N, C-alpha and C. Protein backbone atom coordinates (compact mmCIF):
# COMPACT_ATOMS: atom_id res chain seq x y z
N MET A 1 40.36 -31.85 -56.45
CA MET A 1 39.96 -33.11 -55.85
C MET A 1 39.89 -32.97 -54.34
N SER A 2 38.99 -33.67 -53.76
CA SER A 2 38.81 -33.63 -52.32
C SER A 2 39.62 -34.73 -51.65
N ASP A 3 40.12 -34.45 -50.45
CA ASP A 3 40.84 -35.46 -49.67
C ASP A 3 39.88 -36.32 -48.86
N LYS A 4 38.61 -35.99 -48.91
CA LYS A 4 37.60 -36.73 -48.15
C LYS A 4 37.39 -38.10 -48.79
N PRO A 5 37.38 -39.18 -48.01
CA PRO A 5 37.19 -40.51 -48.59
C PRO A 5 35.81 -40.66 -49.19
N LYS A 6 35.75 -41.44 -50.25
CA LYS A 6 34.46 -41.72 -50.88
C LYS A 6 33.58 -42.52 -49.93
N SER A 7 32.26 -42.35 -50.02
CA SER A 7 31.36 -43.07 -49.14
C SER A 7 31.26 -44.54 -49.49
N ASP A 8 31.71 -44.91 -50.69
CA ASP A 8 31.65 -46.31 -51.08
C ASP A 8 33.05 -46.92 -51.08
N SER A 9 33.90 -46.48 -50.15
CA SER A 9 35.26 -46.99 -50.07
C SER A 9 35.25 -48.46 -49.67
N VAL A 10 36.34 -49.13 -49.97
CA VAL A 10 36.48 -50.54 -49.62
C VAL A 10 36.35 -50.72 -48.11
N LEU A 11 36.99 -49.83 -47.34
CA LEU A 11 36.92 -49.90 -45.89
C LEU A 11 35.47 -49.87 -45.41
N GLU A 12 34.69 -48.95 -45.95
CA GLU A 12 33.30 -48.82 -45.52
C GLU A 12 32.47 -50.02 -45.94
N ARG A 13 32.69 -50.51 -47.15
CA ARG A 13 31.90 -51.64 -47.63
C ARG A 13 32.12 -52.89 -46.81
N TYR A 14 33.35 -53.14 -46.35
CA TYR A 14 33.65 -54.38 -45.66
C TYR A 14 33.62 -54.30 -44.14
N THR A 15 33.76 -53.12 -43.58
CA THR A 15 33.76 -52.99 -42.13
C THR A 15 32.57 -52.23 -41.58
N GLY A 16 31.87 -51.49 -42.46
CA GLY A 16 30.76 -50.68 -42.00
C GLY A 16 31.22 -49.39 -41.35
N ARG A 17 32.50 -49.04 -41.49
CA ARG A 17 33.06 -47.82 -40.91
C ARG A 17 33.76 -47.02 -41.99
N THR A 18 33.72 -45.71 -41.84
CA THR A 18 34.42 -44.82 -42.76
C THR A 18 35.88 -44.70 -42.30
N ALA A 19 36.70 -44.06 -43.11
CA ALA A 19 38.12 -43.86 -42.77
C ALA A 19 38.25 -43.06 -41.48
N ALA A 20 37.28 -42.20 -41.17
CA ALA A 20 37.32 -41.40 -39.94
C ALA A 20 36.85 -42.20 -38.72
N GLY A 21 36.46 -43.47 -38.94
CA GLY A 21 36.02 -44.31 -37.83
C GLY A 21 34.54 -44.22 -37.52
N GLU A 22 33.79 -43.44 -38.30
CA GLU A 22 32.35 -43.31 -38.06
C GLU A 22 31.62 -44.51 -38.65
N ALA A 23 30.57 -44.94 -37.98
CA ALA A 23 29.76 -46.03 -38.51
C ALA A 23 28.98 -45.54 -39.70
N SER A 24 28.93 -46.35 -40.74
CA SER A 24 28.16 -45.96 -41.92
C SER A 24 26.68 -46.24 -41.65
N PRO A 25 25.78 -45.55 -42.34
CA PRO A 25 24.35 -45.78 -42.10
C PRO A 25 23.99 -47.21 -42.47
N PRO A 26 23.03 -47.82 -41.76
CA PRO A 26 22.65 -49.20 -42.07
C PRO A 26 22.04 -49.30 -43.46
N GLU A 27 22.23 -50.48 -44.06
CA GLU A 27 21.63 -50.72 -45.37
C GLU A 27 20.13 -50.87 -45.19
N PRO A 28 19.34 -50.48 -46.18
CA PRO A 28 17.90 -50.67 -46.07
C PRO A 28 17.55 -52.15 -46.02
N GLU A 29 16.51 -52.47 -45.30
CA GLU A 29 16.07 -53.86 -45.18
C GLU A 29 15.66 -54.37 -46.55
N SER A 30 16.26 -55.47 -46.97
CA SER A 30 15.98 -55.99 -48.31
C SER A 30 15.23 -57.31 -48.27
N THR A 31 14.72 -57.68 -47.10
CA THR A 31 13.97 -58.93 -46.97
C THR A 31 12.53 -58.63 -46.56
N GLU A 32 11.59 -59.22 -47.28
CA GLU A 32 10.18 -59.10 -46.96
C GLU A 32 9.83 -60.20 -45.96
N ASP A 33 9.15 -59.85 -44.87
CA ASP A 33 8.77 -60.80 -43.83
C ASP A 33 7.35 -61.30 -44.08
N TYR A 34 7.22 -62.59 -44.39
CA TYR A 34 5.91 -63.19 -44.60
C TYR A 34 5.46 -64.00 -43.39
N GLY A 35 6.03 -63.73 -42.23
CA GLY A 35 5.63 -64.39 -40.99
C GLY A 35 6.31 -65.72 -40.77
N VAL A 36 6.24 -66.62 -41.75
CA VAL A 36 6.87 -67.93 -41.61
C VAL A 36 8.16 -68.05 -42.41
N PHE A 37 8.40 -67.09 -43.30
CA PHE A 37 9.67 -67.07 -44.02
C PHE A 37 9.98 -65.67 -44.51
N GLY A 38 11.27 -65.44 -44.77
CA GLY A 38 11.72 -64.17 -45.31
C GLY A 38 12.02 -64.32 -46.79
N TRP A 39 11.73 -63.27 -47.57
CA TRP A 39 11.85 -63.30 -49.02
C TRP A 39 12.70 -62.13 -49.49
N VAL A 40 13.73 -62.39 -50.26
CA VAL A 40 14.58 -61.32 -50.78
C VAL A 40 13.77 -60.49 -51.76
N ARG A 41 13.78 -59.16 -51.56
CA ARG A 41 12.94 -58.25 -52.36
C ARG A 41 13.43 -58.04 -53.79
N GLY A 42 14.68 -57.77 -54.00
CA GLY A 42 15.18 -57.44 -55.33
C GLY A 42 14.98 -58.57 -56.33
N VAL A 43 14.57 -58.22 -57.54
CA VAL A 43 14.28 -59.23 -58.56
C VAL A 43 15.50 -60.09 -58.85
N ARG A 44 16.68 -59.49 -58.86
CA ARG A 44 17.90 -60.23 -59.18
C ARG A 44 18.67 -60.67 -57.94
N GLU A 45 18.19 -60.32 -56.76
CA GLU A 45 18.89 -60.66 -55.52
C GLU A 45 18.69 -62.13 -55.18
N ARG A 46 19.70 -62.71 -54.56
CA ARG A 46 19.65 -64.09 -54.11
C ARG A 46 20.26 -64.16 -52.71
N SER A 47 19.78 -65.10 -51.92
CA SER A 47 20.31 -65.31 -50.59
C SER A 47 21.46 -66.31 -50.66
N LEU A 48 22.49 -66.10 -49.86
CA LEU A 48 23.62 -67.02 -49.83
C LEU A 48 23.34 -68.23 -48.94
N MET A 49 22.54 -67.99 -47.88
CA MET A 49 22.26 -69.08 -46.93
C MET A 49 20.77 -69.11 -46.58
N LEU A 50 20.33 -70.28 -46.16
CA LEU A 50 18.96 -70.48 -45.69
C LEU A 50 19.04 -70.71 -44.19
N GLU A 51 18.41 -69.82 -43.42
CA GLU A 51 18.41 -69.89 -41.96
C GLU A 51 17.15 -70.60 -41.50
N LEU A 52 17.30 -71.64 -40.68
CA LEU A 52 16.17 -72.40 -40.15
C LEU A 52 16.02 -72.06 -38.68
N ARG A 53 14.92 -71.43 -38.32
CA ARG A 53 14.66 -70.98 -36.96
C ARG A 53 13.66 -71.93 -36.31
N LEU A 54 14.12 -72.64 -35.29
CA LEU A 54 13.26 -73.60 -34.61
C LEU A 54 12.53 -72.95 -33.45
N LYS A 55 11.42 -73.56 -33.03
CA LYS A 55 10.60 -72.95 -31.99
C LYS A 55 11.30 -72.90 -30.63
N ASP A 56 12.34 -73.72 -30.43
CA ASP A 56 13.08 -73.67 -29.17
C ASP A 56 14.10 -72.54 -29.14
N GLY A 57 14.19 -71.76 -30.23
CA GLY A 57 15.11 -70.63 -30.30
C GLY A 57 16.42 -70.93 -30.99
N SER A 58 16.69 -72.21 -31.27
CA SER A 58 17.93 -72.53 -31.96
C SER A 58 17.81 -72.21 -33.44
N VAL A 59 18.95 -71.91 -34.05
CA VAL A 59 19.00 -71.52 -35.46
C VAL A 59 20.12 -72.29 -36.14
N THR A 60 19.83 -72.84 -37.30
CA THR A 60 20.83 -73.51 -38.13
C THR A 60 20.74 -72.93 -39.53
N SER A 61 21.89 -72.66 -40.13
CA SER A 61 21.91 -72.11 -41.48
C SER A 61 22.65 -73.06 -42.42
N PHE A 62 22.17 -73.13 -43.65
CA PHE A 62 22.79 -73.94 -44.69
C PHE A 62 23.08 -73.05 -45.88
N GLY A 63 24.25 -73.23 -46.47
CA GLY A 63 24.61 -72.49 -47.67
C GLY A 63 23.85 -73.03 -48.87
N TYR A 64 23.20 -72.15 -49.61
CA TYR A 64 22.48 -72.57 -50.81
C TYR A 64 23.40 -73.26 -51.82
N ALA A 65 24.69 -72.95 -51.79
CA ALA A 65 25.64 -73.57 -52.72
C ALA A 65 25.69 -75.09 -52.54
N TRP A 66 25.32 -75.59 -51.35
CA TRP A 66 25.35 -77.02 -51.08
C TRP A 66 23.98 -77.69 -51.23
N LEU A 67 23.00 -76.97 -51.71
CA LEU A 67 21.67 -77.55 -51.95
C LEU A 67 21.72 -78.36 -53.23
N LYS A 68 21.68 -79.69 -53.09
CA LYS A 68 21.78 -80.58 -54.25
C LYS A 68 20.42 -80.92 -54.84
N LYS A 69 19.39 -81.00 -53.97
CA LYS A 69 18.08 -81.45 -54.44
C LYS A 69 17.00 -80.88 -53.53
N ALA A 70 15.90 -80.46 -54.14
CA ALA A 70 14.74 -79.96 -53.39
C ALA A 70 13.50 -80.65 -53.92
N THR A 71 12.67 -81.16 -53.01
CA THR A 71 11.46 -81.89 -53.41
C THR A 71 10.28 -81.36 -52.61
N PHE A 72 9.15 -81.15 -53.30
CA PHE A 72 7.91 -80.77 -52.62
C PHE A 72 6.87 -81.84 -52.89
N ASN A 73 6.31 -82.38 -51.81
CA ASN A 73 5.23 -83.35 -51.89
C ASN A 73 4.16 -82.83 -50.94
N PRO A 74 2.96 -82.50 -51.46
CA PRO A 74 1.93 -81.90 -50.59
C PRO A 74 1.61 -82.72 -49.34
N SER A 75 1.72 -84.04 -49.41
CA SER A 75 1.39 -84.85 -48.24
C SER A 75 2.57 -85.06 -47.29
N GLU A 76 3.80 -84.81 -47.76
CA GLU A 76 4.99 -85.03 -46.92
C GLU A 76 5.73 -83.76 -46.57
N GLY A 77 5.58 -82.71 -47.36
CA GLY A 77 6.27 -81.45 -47.10
C GLY A 77 7.39 -81.19 -48.09
N ILE A 78 8.36 -80.40 -47.65
CA ILE A 78 9.50 -80.02 -48.48
C ILE A 78 10.72 -80.74 -47.93
N THR A 79 11.48 -81.39 -48.82
CA THR A 79 12.71 -82.07 -48.44
C THR A 79 13.87 -81.43 -49.18
N LEU A 80 14.90 -81.05 -48.44
CA LEU A 80 16.08 -80.40 -49.00
C LEU A 80 17.31 -81.24 -48.70
N ASP A 81 18.09 -81.56 -49.71
CA ASP A 81 19.32 -82.34 -49.53
C ASP A 81 20.50 -81.40 -49.65
N PHE A 82 21.16 -81.14 -48.52
CA PHE A 82 22.33 -80.27 -48.47
C PHE A 82 23.58 -81.14 -48.31
N SER A 83 24.07 -81.72 -49.38
CA SER A 83 25.33 -82.47 -49.39
C SER A 83 25.54 -83.30 -48.13
N GLY A 84 24.71 -84.27 -47.90
CA GLY A 84 24.89 -85.17 -46.76
C GLY A 84 23.94 -84.93 -45.60
N GLU A 85 23.31 -83.77 -45.53
CA GLU A 85 22.32 -83.52 -44.49
C GLU A 85 20.98 -83.27 -45.16
N THR A 86 19.93 -83.84 -44.58
CA THR A 86 18.60 -83.68 -45.14
C THR A 86 17.75 -82.85 -44.20
N VAL A 87 17.07 -81.85 -44.77
CA VAL A 87 16.16 -81.00 -44.01
C VAL A 87 14.75 -81.29 -44.51
N THR A 88 13.85 -81.58 -43.58
CA THR A 88 12.45 -81.82 -43.93
C THR A 88 11.61 -80.73 -43.26
N ILE A 89 10.80 -80.07 -44.07
CA ILE A 89 9.92 -79.01 -43.59
C ILE A 89 8.50 -79.51 -43.73
N VAL A 90 7.81 -79.64 -42.61
CA VAL A 90 6.45 -80.16 -42.59
C VAL A 90 5.51 -79.04 -42.16
N GLY A 91 4.37 -78.95 -42.82
CA GLY A 91 3.43 -77.91 -42.45
C GLY A 91 2.19 -77.91 -43.31
N ARG A 92 1.44 -76.81 -43.19
CA ARG A 92 0.19 -76.66 -43.94
C ARG A 92 0.35 -75.56 -44.98
N ASN A 93 -0.28 -75.74 -46.11
CA ASN A 93 -0.32 -74.74 -47.19
C ASN A 93 1.08 -74.29 -47.62
N LEU A 94 2.01 -75.24 -47.69
CA LEU A 94 3.40 -74.91 -48.03
C LEU A 94 3.55 -74.39 -49.46
N ASP A 95 2.54 -74.59 -50.30
CA ASP A 95 2.62 -74.10 -51.68
C ASP A 95 1.68 -72.92 -51.91
N ALA A 96 1.15 -72.35 -50.83
CA ALA A 96 0.22 -71.23 -50.98
C ALA A 96 0.96 -69.98 -51.46
N GLU A 97 0.29 -69.19 -52.29
CA GLU A 97 0.88 -67.95 -52.79
C GLU A 97 0.57 -66.84 -51.80
N LEU A 98 1.63 -66.27 -51.21
CA LEU A 98 1.46 -65.22 -50.20
C LEU A 98 1.58 -63.83 -50.78
N GLY A 99 1.98 -63.72 -51.99
CA GLY A 99 2.13 -62.45 -52.70
C GLY A 99 2.29 -62.79 -54.17
N PRO A 100 2.41 -61.78 -55.01
CA PRO A 100 2.61 -62.07 -56.43
C PRO A 100 3.86 -62.92 -56.65
N ARG A 101 3.67 -64.14 -57.09
CA ARG A 101 4.74 -65.10 -57.36
C ARG A 101 5.61 -65.39 -56.14
N VAL A 102 5.02 -65.35 -54.95
CA VAL A 102 5.75 -65.64 -53.71
C VAL A 102 5.18 -66.92 -53.11
N ARG A 103 5.92 -68.00 -53.31
CA ARG A 103 5.59 -69.31 -52.75
C ARG A 103 6.85 -69.86 -52.09
N LEU A 104 6.69 -70.54 -50.98
CA LEU A 104 7.83 -71.02 -50.20
C LEU A 104 8.75 -71.92 -51.03
N PHE A 105 8.24 -72.98 -51.61
CA PHE A 105 9.10 -73.93 -52.33
C PHE A 105 9.77 -73.25 -53.53
N ASN A 106 9.00 -72.49 -54.26
CA ASN A 106 9.55 -71.76 -55.41
C ASN A 106 10.68 -70.83 -54.98
N GLY A 107 10.50 -70.17 -53.86
CA GLY A 107 11.53 -69.27 -53.34
C GLY A 107 12.79 -69.98 -52.90
N ILE A 108 12.65 -71.18 -52.33
CA ILE A 108 13.82 -71.97 -51.95
C ILE A 108 14.60 -72.38 -53.20
N VAL A 109 13.89 -72.88 -54.19
CA VAL A 109 14.54 -73.33 -55.43
C VAL A 109 15.28 -72.19 -56.10
N ARG A 110 14.76 -70.98 -56.01
CA ARG A 110 15.37 -69.81 -56.64
C ARG A 110 16.28 -69.01 -55.71
N HIS A 111 16.55 -69.57 -54.50
CA HIS A 111 17.44 -68.95 -53.50
C HIS A 111 16.94 -67.57 -53.07
N ARG A 112 15.63 -67.40 -53.00
CA ARG A 112 15.03 -66.13 -52.59
C ARG A 112 14.60 -66.13 -51.13
N VAL A 113 14.50 -67.30 -50.52
CA VAL A 113 14.07 -67.41 -49.12
C VAL A 113 15.30 -67.30 -48.23
N THR A 114 15.29 -66.34 -47.29
CA THR A 114 16.44 -66.12 -46.42
C THR A 114 16.32 -66.88 -45.10
N TRP A 115 15.10 -67.05 -44.60
CA TRP A 115 14.88 -67.76 -43.35
C TRP A 115 13.50 -68.41 -43.35
N ILE A 116 13.38 -69.46 -42.54
CA ILE A 116 12.11 -70.17 -42.33
C ILE A 116 11.93 -70.31 -40.83
N GLN A 117 10.72 -69.99 -40.34
CA GLN A 117 10.43 -70.01 -38.91
C GLN A 117 9.44 -71.11 -38.57
N GLN A 118 9.83 -72.01 -37.69
CA GLN A 118 8.93 -73.03 -37.19
C GLN A 118 7.95 -72.39 -36.22
N ALA A 119 6.67 -72.71 -36.36
CA ALA A 119 5.63 -72.13 -35.50
C ALA A 119 5.65 -72.77 -34.13
N ASP A 120 5.35 -71.96 -33.11
CA ASP A 120 5.16 -72.54 -31.79
C ASP A 120 3.71 -72.98 -31.68
N GLY A 121 3.34 -73.61 -30.60
CA GLY A 121 2.00 -74.15 -30.44
C GLY A 121 0.90 -73.11 -30.61
N ALA A 122 1.09 -71.93 -30.02
CA ALA A 122 0.08 -70.88 -30.10
C ALA A 122 -0.11 -70.39 -31.53
N ALA A 123 0.98 -70.24 -32.27
CA ALA A 123 0.89 -69.78 -33.66
C ALA A 123 0.18 -70.82 -34.53
N GLU A 124 0.45 -72.09 -34.27
CA GLU A 124 -0.22 -73.15 -35.04
C GLU A 124 -1.73 -73.12 -34.82
N ILE A 125 -2.13 -72.95 -33.59
CA ILE A 125 -3.56 -72.96 -33.25
C ILE A 125 -4.27 -71.73 -33.78
N SER A 126 -3.63 -70.56 -33.68
CA SER A 126 -4.29 -69.32 -34.07
C SER A 126 -4.26 -69.05 -35.58
N ALA A 127 -3.46 -69.79 -36.32
CA ALA A 127 -3.38 -69.58 -37.77
C ALA A 127 -4.68 -70.00 -38.44
N GLY A 128 -5.11 -69.21 -39.39
CA GLY A 128 -6.32 -69.52 -40.14
C GLY A 128 -6.11 -70.72 -41.06
N PRO A 129 -7.19 -71.23 -41.63
CA PRO A 129 -7.08 -72.43 -42.48
C PRO A 129 -6.28 -72.21 -43.76
N ALA A 130 -6.16 -70.98 -44.24
CA ALA A 130 -5.41 -70.71 -45.47
C ALA A 130 -3.98 -70.26 -45.20
N ALA A 131 -3.61 -70.10 -43.93
CA ALA A 131 -2.28 -69.60 -43.58
C ALA A 131 -1.21 -70.66 -43.80
N VAL A 132 -0.02 -70.21 -44.15
CA VAL A 132 1.13 -71.11 -44.24
C VAL A 132 1.65 -71.31 -42.82
N VAL A 133 1.78 -72.57 -42.41
CA VAL A 133 2.25 -72.89 -41.07
C VAL A 133 3.36 -73.93 -41.19
N ILE A 134 4.49 -73.64 -40.57
CA ILE A 134 5.60 -74.60 -40.52
C ILE A 134 5.48 -75.33 -39.18
N GLU A 135 5.02 -76.56 -39.24
CA GLU A 135 4.79 -77.34 -38.03
C GLU A 135 6.07 -77.97 -37.49
N ALA A 136 6.98 -78.37 -38.37
CA ALA A 136 8.21 -79.01 -37.95
C ALA A 136 9.32 -78.77 -38.97
N ILE A 137 10.53 -78.62 -38.46
CA ILE A 137 11.74 -78.57 -39.28
C ILE A 137 12.67 -79.63 -38.71
N GLU A 138 12.93 -80.66 -39.49
CA GLU A 138 13.77 -81.76 -39.04
C GLU A 138 15.08 -81.75 -39.82
N ILE A 139 16.19 -81.81 -39.10
CA ILE A 139 17.52 -81.84 -39.71
C ILE A 139 18.15 -83.18 -39.40
N GLN A 140 18.49 -83.92 -40.44
CA GLN A 140 19.06 -85.28 -40.25
C GLN A 140 20.38 -85.38 -40.96
């Protein structure tokens, strides 16, 4: 038997360092970037939190465990009820398919969306008519 620590030791898994103090190699990127939102790649993978990135640079995250209700209305947008706080996502083509079975609302309901990015003015203007655009993210 070797005295060398295993590469999948508890220390390495939780701290990112080996017993010798060396940094472990970074994990491969597991999120697909669709420009306006991130999508977890693995079929069985789920995101623990939904990160909302506003155009002013501020970021707010909500735990999916507290998502009580999700509603999509094409004329009003997506409404998410996180145990007392309501998030409204307004935009264009919010139900458009960006890849095989990749739709924003469907991904939120299945906890596959890791982040949503609100567009700035330039991105809104330059986006084509079929592009998904997040015009506003309101947290109440």
